[in-house]
Amino acid sequence: MPKRDVPSTASFAETTPDGRLFAPSAARNAGPLGDLLADLAPARGSALELASGTGQHVAAFAAR
């Protein structure tokens, strides 16, 4: 199958007026993912997040 360009209308994240990226799906699932992290992650220490995309998940978890 040949590689195809993604149409501009298929964007999963939108740029907000202040320049940040916003993905509606990330906003919807940040709570459940944060709950899972709170249950599984150690209470102390450091973590490295890779390929965070918009950064909404880590920002929501850090705000807890």
Protein backbone atom coordinates (compact mmCIF):
# COMPACT_ATOMS: atom_id res chain seq x y z
CA MET A 1 0.00 0.00 0.00
CA PRO A 2 1.48 3.38 -0.92
CA LYS A 3 2.11 5.98 1.76
CA ARG A 4 -0.57 8.66 1.69
CA ASP A 5 -0.54 12.20 2.98
CA VAL A 6 -2.93 12.92 5.83
CA PRO A 7 -5.47 15.55 4.78
CA SER A 8 -5.33 18.84 6.66
CA THR A 9 -8.88 18.21 7.90
CA ALA A 10 -7.69 15.09 9.80
CA SER A 11 -5.81 16.96 12.51
CA PHE A 12 -6.24 15.37 15.92
CA ALA A 13 -4.96 18.40 17.81
CA GLU A 14 -5.82 22.04 17.37
CA THR A 15 -3.69 25.06 18.17
CA THR A 16 -5.18 27.25 20.90
CA PRO A 17 -5.01 31.06 20.73
CA ASP A 18 -1.98 31.01 23.06
CA GLY A 19 -0.12 28.56 20.78
CA ARG A 20 -0.56 25.35 22.79
CA LEU A 21 -1.88 22.16 21.21
CA PHE A 22 -5.25 20.83 22.40
CA ALA A 23 -6.62 17.37 21.61
CA PRO A 24 -10.23 16.73 22.67
CA SER A 25 -9.51 13.01 23.19
CA ALA A 26 -6.65 13.83 25.57
CA ALA A 27 -8.94 16.14 27.53
CA ARG A 28 -11.55 13.37 27.78
CA ASN A 29 -9.22 10.63 29.00
CA ALA A 30 -6.79 12.61 31.19
CA GLY A 31 -8.82 11.82 34.32
CA PRO A 32 -8.96 8.03 33.87
CA LEU A 33 -5.29 7.90 32.86
CA GLY A 34 -4.35 10.01 35.87
CA ASP A 35 -6.30 7.68 38.15
CA LEU A 36 -4.41 4.70 36.72
CA LEU A 37 -1.05 6.44 37.16
CA ALA A 38 -1.94 7.36 40.73
CA ASP A 39 -2.65 3.68 41.47
CA LEU A 40 0.43 2.25 39.73
CA ALA A 41 3.19 4.84 39.95
CA PRO A 42 5.37 5.19 43.04
CA ALA A 43 4.56 8.13 45.32
CA ARG A 44 8.08 9.53 44.90
CA GLY A 45 10.73 9.57 42.25
CA SER A 46 11.27 10.77 38.74
CA ALA A 47 9.65 9.80 35.49
CA LEU A 48 10.43 10.41 31.86
CA GLU A 49 7.52 10.74 29.48
CA LEU A 50 8.25 10.05 25.83
CA ALA A 51 6.12 11.00 22.85
CA SER A 52 3.71 13.03 24.95
CA GLY A 53 2.10 14.74 21.96
CA THR A 54 0.17 17.72 23.29
CA GLY A 55 1.45 17.23 26.84
CA GLN A 56 -2.09 17.41 28.21
CA HIS A 57 -1.87 14.11 30.10
CA VAL A 58 1.32 14.91 31.97
CA ALA A 59 0.14 18.46 32.68
CA ALA A 60 -3.14 17.17 34.13
CA PHE A 61 -1.34 14.56 36.24
CA ALA A 62 1.21 17.10 37.51
CA ALA A 63 -1.63 19.42 38.57
CA ARG A 64 -3.09 16.78 40.93
